[in-house]
Amino acid sequence: MDALIKKFDLLVKYICVVSITIMVLLIFVNTVMRYCINSSIVATEELCRFFFVWATFMAVIPVWRDKGHIAVTALTDHLHGNFKKWFAFFWSFLTLFALGALTYGSYEYILENSYYIQITGISYGFIILPVMLSAIACFIMTVNEMIKMLSGKDQQNEKIEVSKEQ
């Protein structure tokens, strides 16, 4: 399962790089066109917004995998042994609940959405799709971490110790 997650992680990083590159190119071309020929591409702002949302929510996946998000450890630093592991498991379970709600909500929004952007004709559901994809990916990674916690192959505590030394 880790190999599949690493391949998916690489794909997500490429999606982020391509999204940001296209966004920067569109803005650059639009700016040059405005100042040089007093004309611009009408759909640039809309497309850049889509690419920005896609890059932002797709970037959540590698950050989640590497545990690079901000963690408040004021309470967990004082916990030790099995209690610390069970506390982490409990919070992972709550995280699964939140990710499930986010996935379900974005799925329902995509299904019920009938609004289209006026300029490009792209559905608003397209802008919500990366929310659902990132929530599903984070859900799978959290389940994988919970399985590791239960089997005794927990690496989360090592990650906390390393971050404290830096």
Protein backbone atom coordinates (compact mmCIF):
# COMPACT_ATOMS: atom_id res chain seq x y z
CA MET A 1 0.00 0.00 0.00
CA ASP A 2 2.92 2.34 0.69
CA ALA A 3 4.19 1.93 -2.88
CA LEU A 4 0.77 2.87 -4.26
CA ILE A 5 0.64 5.92 -2.00
CA LYS A 6 4.13 7.01 -3.14
CA LYS A 7 3.13 6.75 -6.83
CA PHE A 8 -0.06 8.68 -6.17
CA ASP A 9 1.97 11.25 -4.22
CA LEU A 10 4.26 11.74 -7.22
CA LEU A 11 1.27 12.17 -9.53
CA VAL A 12 -0.21 14.75 -7.19
CA LYS A 13 3.05 16.70 -7.09
CA TYR A 14 3.08 16.80 -10.90
CA ILE A 15 -0.52 18.03 -10.92
CA CYS A 16 0.47 20.83 -8.52
CA VAL A 17 3.50 21.84 -10.58
CA VAL A 18 1.53 21.84 -13.84
CA SER A 19 -1.34 23.81 -12.26
CA ILE A 20 0.94 26.50 -10.88
CA THR A 21 2.97 26.68 -14.10
CA ILE A 22 -0.13 27.15 -16.24
CA MET A 23 -1.47 29.71 -13.80
CA VAL A 24 1.76 31.75 -13.89
CA LEU A 25 1.95 31.55 -17.69
CA LEU A 26 -1.66 32.66 -18.08
CA ILE A 27 -1.13 35.64 -15.78
CA PHE A 28 2.11 36.59 -17.51
CA VAL A 29 0.60 36.39 -21.01
CA ASN A 30 -2.48 38.29 -19.89
CA THR A 31 -0.36 41.05 -18.32
CA VAL A 32 1.83 41.39 -21.42
CA MET A 33 -1.26 41.51 -23.64
CA ARG A 34 -2.88 44.22 -21.49
CA TYR A 35 0.14 46.52 -21.63
CA CYS A 36 1.30 45.82 -25.17
CA ILE A 37 -1.88 45.50 -27.24
CA ASN A 38 -4.56 46.76 -24.84
CA SER A 39 -6.38 43.45 -24.95
CA SER A 40 -6.55 40.45 -22.65
CA ILE A 41 -7.81 36.91 -22.42
CA VAL A 42 -11.21 37.09 -20.75
CA ALA A 43 -11.12 33.68 -19.10
CA THR A 44 -7.67 34.09 -17.52
CA GLU A 45 -8.86 35.09 -14.06
CA GLU A 46 -11.37 32.28 -13.93
CA LEU A 47 -8.91 29.65 -15.13
CA CYS A 48 -6.25 30.88 -12.70
CA ARG A 49 -8.72 30.57 -9.86
CA PHE A 50 -9.42 26.95 -10.86
CA PHE A 51 -5.73 26.11 -11.15
CA PHE A 52 -5.01 27.77 -7.79
CA VAL A 53 -7.73 25.78 -6.02
CA TRP A 54 -6.57 22.56 -7.66
CA ALA A 55 -2.92 23.20 -6.73
CA THR A 56 -3.83 24.13 -3.15
CA PHE A 57 -6.01 21.12 -2.41
CA MET A 58 -3.77 18.67 -4.26
CA ALA A 59 -0.79 19.97 -2.26
CA VAL A 60 -2.59 18.87 0.91
CA ILE A 61 -1.92 15.24 0.00
CA PRO A 62 1.93 15.24 0.09
CA VAL A 63 1.90 17.51 3.15
CA TRP A 64 -0.46 15.09 4.92
CA ARG A 65 1.72 12.12 3.93
CA ASP A 66 4.89 13.80 5.26
CA LYS A 67 3.10 15.12 8.37
CA GLY A 68 4.17 18.61 7.38
CA HIS A 69 1.04 20.32 8.65
CA ILE A 70 1.05 22.45 11.78
CA ALA A 71 0.54 20.34 14.88
CA VAL A 72 -0.15 21.72 18.34
CA THR A 73 1.65 19.32 20.65
CA ALA A 74 1.20 21.08 24.00
CA LEU A 75 -0.87 18.16 25.32
CA THR A 76 0.76 15.24 23.53
CA ASP A 77 4.26 16.24 24.67
CA HIS A 78 3.22 15.40 28.24
CA LEU A 79 1.75 11.99 27.38
CA HIS A 80 3.84 8.82 27.52
CA GLY A 81 3.69 5.17 26.57
CA ASN A 82 0.49 3.44 25.56
CA PHE A 83 -1.69 6.38 26.58
CA LYS A 84 0.07 8.55 23.99
CA LYS A 85 -0.52 5.90 21.31
CA TRP A 86 -4.20 5.49 22.19
CA PHE A 87 -4.64 9.24 22.28
CA ALA A 88 -3.13 9.47 18.77
CA PHE A 89 -5.41 6.64 17.63
CA PHE A 90 -8.46 8.44 19.06
CA TRP A 91 -7.57 11.67 17.25
CA SER A 92 -6.97 9.72 14.05
CA PHE A 93 -10.46 8.29 14.42
CA LEU A 94 -11.91 11.79 14.82
CA THR A 95 -9.89 12.86 11.77
CA LEU A 96 -11.47 10.02 9.79
CA PHE A 97 -14.89 11.29 10.80
CA ALA A 98 -14.06 14.84 9.65
CA LEU A 99 -12.54 13.63 6.37
CA GLY A 100 -15.57 11.43 5.76
CA ALA A 101 -17.89 14.39 6.29
CA LEU A 102 -15.78 16.52 3.96
CA THR A 103 -15.83 13.79 1.30
CA TYR A 104 -19.56 13.25 1.61
CA GLY A 105 -20.32 16.98 1.53
CA SER A 106 -18.18 17.64 -1.52
CA TYR A 107 -19.64 14.58 -3.28
CA GLU A 108 -23.18 15.81 -2.62
CA TYR A 109 -22.24 19.29 -3.83
CA ILE A 110 -20.82 17.88 -7.07
CA LEU A 111 -23.95 15.79 -7.69
CA GLU A 112 -26.43 18.55 -6.90
CA ASN A 113 -24.53 21.36 -8.57
CA SER A 114 -26.04 22.69 -11.77
CA TYR A 115 -24.24 26.04 -11.87
CA TYR A 116 -21.73 26.84 -14.58
CA ILE A 117 -19.25 29.68 -14.77
CA GLN A 118 -20.45 32.20 -17.35
CA ILE A 119 -17.22 32.78 -19.25
CA THR A 120 -15.80 29.26 -19.59
CA GLY A 121 -18.90 27.17 -19.00
CA ILE A 122 -17.04 24.99 -16.47
CA SER A 123 -19.18 23.52 -13.70
CA TYR A 124 -18.68 24.68 -10.13
CA GLY A 125 -18.43 20.99 -9.30
CA PHE A 126 -15.05 21.01 -11.02
CA ILE A 127 -13.69 23.41 -8.43
CA ILE A 128 -14.97 21.18 -5.58
CA LEU A 129 -13.52 17.98 -7.07
CA PRO A 130 -9.99 18.48 -5.62
CA VAL A 131 -11.55 18.90 -2.15
CA MET A 132 -13.12 15.46 -2.47
CA LEU A 133 -9.98 13.89 -3.95
CA SER A 134 -7.69 15.26 -1.25
CA ALA A 135 -10.11 14.22 1.51
CA ILE A 136 -10.26 10.67 0.11
CA ALA A 137 -6.47 10.47 -0.16
CA CYS A 138 -6.01 11.79 3.39
CA PHE A 139 -8.66 9.34 4.61
CA ILE A 140 -6.77 6.41 3.07
CA MET A 141 -3.44 7.59 4.52
CA THR A 142 -5.01 8.04 7.97
CA VAL A 143 -6.46 4.51 7.85
CA ASN A 144 -3.01 3.24 6.86
CA GLU A 145 -1.44 5.06 9.83
CA MET A 146 -4.07 3.65 12.19
CA ILE A 147 -3.29 0.13 10.97
CA LYS A 148 0.40 0.80 11.64
CA MET A 149 -0.47 2.06 15.13
CA LEU A 150 -2.43 -1.09 15.91
CA SER A 151 0.25 -3.40 14.53
CA GLY A 152 2.99 -1.68 16.53
CA LYS A 153 4.78 -0.14 13.54
CA ASP A 154 3.99 3.38 14.71
CA GLN A 155 6.29 6.03 13.26
CA GLN A 156 4.27 9.01 14.49
CA ASN A 157 6.04 9.17 17.85
CA GLU A 158 9.43 9.18 16.12
CA LYS A 159 8.29 12.08 13.94
CA ILE A 160 7.28 14.08 17.01
CA GLU A 161 10.63 13.44 18.69
CA VAL A 162 12.57 14.54 15.58
CA SER A 163 10.57 17.74 15.27
CA LYS A 164 11.23 18.60 18.93
CA GLU A 165 15.01 18.41 18.43
CA GLN A 166 15.07 20.82 15.47
